[in-house]
Amino acid sequence: MMHDAYPWLVLLAGAGVTYAWRGMGVLLSGRIDAEGPLFRWIGAVAYALLAALIARMIVLPIGPLAATALVDRLGAAAAALLVFLLTRRSLLFGVLAGAAVLVLLTSVQNNPMH
């Protein structure tokens, strides 16, 4: 009998812990200064981690991205950054432009016109 109830107990415990943390967040949210030094530091660390991950994807890619040329990855990253800045920091347009340029450059590398 206990064997059948175990998954439900685990689910309830997980939900309880999740909602307890959310409830504490709601209670404390009015007292948190989002412009304070702690949150500025957290934002800086988050941006640094993101920059490091992007740099690693460009310089030391894994998986299918490793089959692309470094110059193609650099060109796509430059295009993504340029479009991002030209479109008033639109992440969607920057990512779409970077992906499109990478596909275009990779297809040109693989199918040169003779």
C-alpha atoms as a PDB file:
ATOM      1  CA  MET A   1       0.000   0.000   0.000  1.00  0.00           C
ATOM      2  CA  MET A   2       2.816   2.430   0.886  1.00  0.00           C
ATOM      3  CA  HIS A   3       4.530   1.544  -2.395  1.00  0.00           C
ATOM      4  CA  ASP A   4       1.584   2.977  -4.360  1.00  0.00           C
ATOM      5  CA  ALA A   5       1.493   6.209  -2.344  1.00  0.00           C
ATOM      6  CA  TYR A   6       5.240   6.915  -2.570  1.00  0.00           C
ATOM      7  CA  PRO A   7       5.161   8.829  -5.915  1.00  0.00           C
ATOM      8  CA  TRP A   8       2.310  10.992  -4.635  1.00  0.00           C
ATOM      9  CA  LEU A   9       4.184  11.757  -1.412  1.00  0.00           C
ATOM     10  CA  VAL A  10       7.282  12.754  -3.381  1.00  0.00           C
ATOM     11  CA  LEU A  11       5.172  14.959  -5.664  1.00  0.00           C
ATOM     12  CA  LEU A  12       3.471  16.637  -2.698  1.00  0.00           C
ATOM     13  CA  ALA A  13       6.793  17.181  -0.921  1.00  0.00           C
ATOM     14  CA  GLY A  14       8.311  18.727  -4.052  1.00  0.00           C
ATOM     15  CA  ALA A  15       5.302  20.986  -4.555  1.00  0.00           C
ATOM     16  CA  GLY A  16       5.364  21.997  -0.891  1.00  0.00           C
ATOM     17  CA  VAL A  17       9.023  22.971  -0.995  1.00  0.00           C
ATOM     18  CA  THR A  18       8.559  24.864  -4.266  1.00  0.00           C
ATOM     19  CA  TYR A  19       5.574  26.843  -3.015  1.00  0.00           C
ATOM     20  CA  ALA A  20       7.240  27.529   0.334  1.00  0.00           C
ATOM     21  CA  TRP A  21      10.173  29.232  -1.421  1.00  0.00           C
ATOM     22  CA  ARG A  22       7.800  31.138  -3.708  1.00  0.00           C
ATOM     23  CA  GLY A  23       5.790  32.287  -0.709  1.00  0.00           C
ATOM     24  CA  MET A  24       8.929  33.516   1.047  1.00  0.00           C
ATOM     25  CA  GLY A  25       9.878  35.354  -2.144  1.00  0.00           C
ATOM     26  CA  VAL A  26       6.522  37.117  -2.217  1.00  0.00           C
ATOM     27  CA  LEU A  27       6.833  38.087   1.434  1.00  0.00           C
ATOM     28  CA  LEU A  28      10.369  39.437   1.021  1.00  0.00           C
ATOM     29  CA  SER A  29       9.951  41.076  -2.383  1.00  0.00           C
ATOM     30  CA  GLY A  30       8.808  44.391  -0.960  1.00  0.00           C
ATOM     31  CA  ARG A  31      11.967  44.682   1.143  1.00  0.00           C
ATOM     32  CA  ILE A  32      14.462  43.963  -1.627  1.00  0.00           C
ATOM     33  CA  ASP A  33      16.272  46.832  -3.342  1.00  0.00           C
ATOM     34  CA  ALA A  34      16.606  45.731  -6.962  1.00  0.00           C
ATOM     35  CA  GLU A  35      19.073  48.587  -7.592  1.00  0.00           C
ATOM     36  CA  GLY A  36      21.237  47.729  -4.597  1.00  0.00           C
ATOM     37  CA  PRO A  37      24.829  46.538  -4.731  1.00  0.00           C
ATOM     38  CA  LEU A  38      23.937  42.875  -4.205  1.00  0.00           C
ATOM     39  CA  PHE A  39      21.627  42.756  -7.205  1.00  0.00           C
ATOM     40  CA  ARG A  40      24.067  44.745  -9.354  1.00  0.00           C
ATOM     41  CA  TRP A  41      26.738  42.171  -8.478  1.00  0.00           C
ATOM     42  CA  ILE A  42      24.365  39.295  -9.315  1.00  0.00           C
ATOM     43  CA  GLY A  43      23.591  40.948 -12.665  1.00  0.00           C
ATOM     44  CA  ALA A  44      27.288  41.410 -13.408  1.00  0.00           C
ATOM     45  CA  VAL A  45      28.008  37.755 -12.631  1.00  0.00           C
ATOM     46  CA  ALA A  46      25.107  36.642 -14.825  1.00  0.00           C
ATOM     47  CA  TYR A  47      26.376  38.726 -17.760  1.00  0.00           C
ATOM     48  CA  ALA A  48      29.929  37.451 -17.231  1.00  0.00           C
ATOM     49  CA  LEU A  49      28.727  33.843 -17.285  1.00  0.00           C
ATOM     50  CA  LEU A  50      26.728  34.467 -20.441  1.00  0.00           C
ATOM     51  CA  ALA A  51      29.715  36.126 -22.137  1.00  0.00           C
ATOM     52  CA  ALA A  52      31.942  33.209 -21.155  1.00  0.00           C
ATOM     53  CA  LEU A  53      29.474  30.663 -22.541  1.00  0.00           C
ATOM     54  CA  ILE A  54      29.165  32.542 -25.822  1.00  0.00           C
ATOM     55  CA  ALA A  55      32.954  32.864 -26.101  1.00  0.00           C
ATOM     56  CA  ARG A  56      33.343  29.144 -25.443  1.00  0.00           C
ATOM     57  CA  MET A  57      30.760  28.326 -28.113  1.00  0.00           C
ATOM     58  CA  ILE A  58      32.713  30.413 -30.599  1.00  0.00           C
ATOM     59  CA  VAL A  59      36.259  29.354 -29.697  1.00  0.00           C
ATOM     60  CA  LEU A  60      35.766  25.776 -28.436  1.00  0.00           C
ATOM     61  CA  PRO A  61      32.465  24.507 -29.840  1.00  0.00           C
ATOM     62  CA  ILE A  62      31.129  21.004 -29.315  1.00  0.00           C
ATOM     63  CA  GLY A  63      28.674  18.926 -31.294  1.00  0.00           C
ATOM     64  CA  PRO A  64      27.552  20.047 -34.747  1.00  0.00           C
ATOM     65  CA  LEU A  65      28.895  23.561 -34.175  1.00  0.00           C
ATOM     66  CA  ALA A  66      32.425  22.127 -34.062  1.00  0.00           C
ATOM     67  CA  ALA A  67      32.096  21.246 -37.759  1.00  0.00           C
ATOM     68  CA  THR A  68      31.807  24.927 -38.707  1.00  0.00           C
ATOM     69  CA  ALA A  69      34.791  27.150 -39.436  1.00  0.00           C
ATOM     70  CA  LEU A  70      35.968  29.625 -36.807  1.00  0.00           C
ATOM     71  CA  VAL A  71      35.636  32.489 -39.287  1.00  0.00           C
ATOM     72  CA  ASP A  72      31.983  31.534 -39.871  1.00  0.00           C
ATOM     73  CA  ARG A  73      31.252  31.502 -36.133  1.00  0.00           C
ATOM     74  CA  LEU A  74      32.988  34.853 -35.677  1.00  0.00           C
ATOM     75  CA  GLY A  75      31.099  36.363 -38.614  1.00  0.00           C
ATOM     76  CA  ALA A  76      27.782  35.110 -37.280  1.00  0.00           C
ATOM     77  CA  ALA A  77      28.549  36.486 -33.817  1.00  0.00           C
ATOM     78  CA  ALA A  78      29.506  39.871 -35.281  1.00  0.00           C
ATOM     79  CA  ALA A  79      26.319  39.975 -37.361  1.00  0.00           C
ATOM     80  CA  ALA A  80      24.221  39.022 -34.345  1.00  0.00           C
ATOM     81  CA  LEU A  81      25.798  41.766 -32.239  1.00  0.00           C
ATOM     82  CA  LEU A  82      25.392  44.365 -34.990  1.00  0.00           C
ATOM     83  CA  VAL A  83      21.721  43.531 -35.570  1.00  0.00           C
ATOM     84  CA  PHE A  84      21.119  43.420 -31.817  1.00  0.00           C
ATOM     85  CA  LEU A  85      22.496  46.944 -31.443  1.00  0.00           C
ATOM     86  CA  LEU A  86      20.786  48.312 -34.576  1.00  0.00           C
ATOM     87  CA  THR A  87      17.374  47.018 -33.496  1.00  0.00           C
ATOM     88  CA  ARG A  88      17.476  48.708 -30.101  1.00  0.00           C
ATOM     89  CA  ARG A  89      18.696  45.604 -28.301  1.00  0.00           C
ATOM     90  CA  SER A  90      16.206  43.151 -29.749  1.00  0.00           C
ATOM     91  CA  LEU A  91      17.423  39.748 -28.653  1.00  0.00           C
ATOM     92  CA  LEU A  92      15.077  38.011 -31.081  1.00  0.00           C
ATOM     93  CA  PHE A  93      16.411  39.851 -34.137  1.00  0.00           C
ATOM     94  CA  GLY A  94      20.017  39.449 -32.998  1.00  0.00           C
ATOM     95  CA  VAL A  95      19.684  35.694 -32.544  1.00  0.00           C
ATOM     96  CA  LEU A  96      17.817  35.290 -35.833  1.00  0.00           C
ATOM     97  CA  ALA A  97      20.452  37.298 -37.694  1.00  0.00           C
ATOM     98  CA  GLY A  98      23.310  35.337 -36.138  1.00  0.00           C
ATOM     99  CA  ALA A  99      21.700  32.019 -36.978  1.00  0.00           C
ATOM    100  CA  ALA A 100      20.912  33.121 -40.537  1.00  0.00           C
ATOM    101  CA  VAL A 101      24.458  34.346 -41.148  1.00  0.00           C
ATOM    102  CA  LEU A 102      25.935  31.142 -39.721  1.00  0.00           C
ATOM    103  CA  VAL A 103      23.725  29.010 -41.979  1.00  0.00           C
ATOM    104  CA  LEU A 104      24.555  31.183 -44.986  1.00  0.00           C
ATOM    105  CA  LEU A 105      28.301  31.180 -44.377  1.00  0.00           C
ATOM    106  CA  THR A 106      28.379  27.463 -43.657  1.00  0.00           C
ATOM    107  CA  SER A 107      26.393  26.640 -46.782  1.00  0.00           C
ATOM    108  CA  VAL A 108      28.695  28.819 -48.906  1.00  0.00           C
ATOM    109  CA  GLN A 109      31.747  27.047 -47.405  1.00  0.00           C
ATOM    110  CA  ASN A 110      30.270  23.619 -48.133  1.00  0.00           C
ATOM    111  CA  ASN A 111      28.913  24.421 -51.642  1.00  0.00           C
ATOM    112  CA  PRO A 112      31.358  26.752 -53.361  1.00  0.00           C
ATOM    113  CA  MET A 113      30.293  27.829 -56.834  1.00  0.00           C
ATOM    114  CA  HIS A 114      32.695  26.695 -59.513  1.00  0.00           C
END
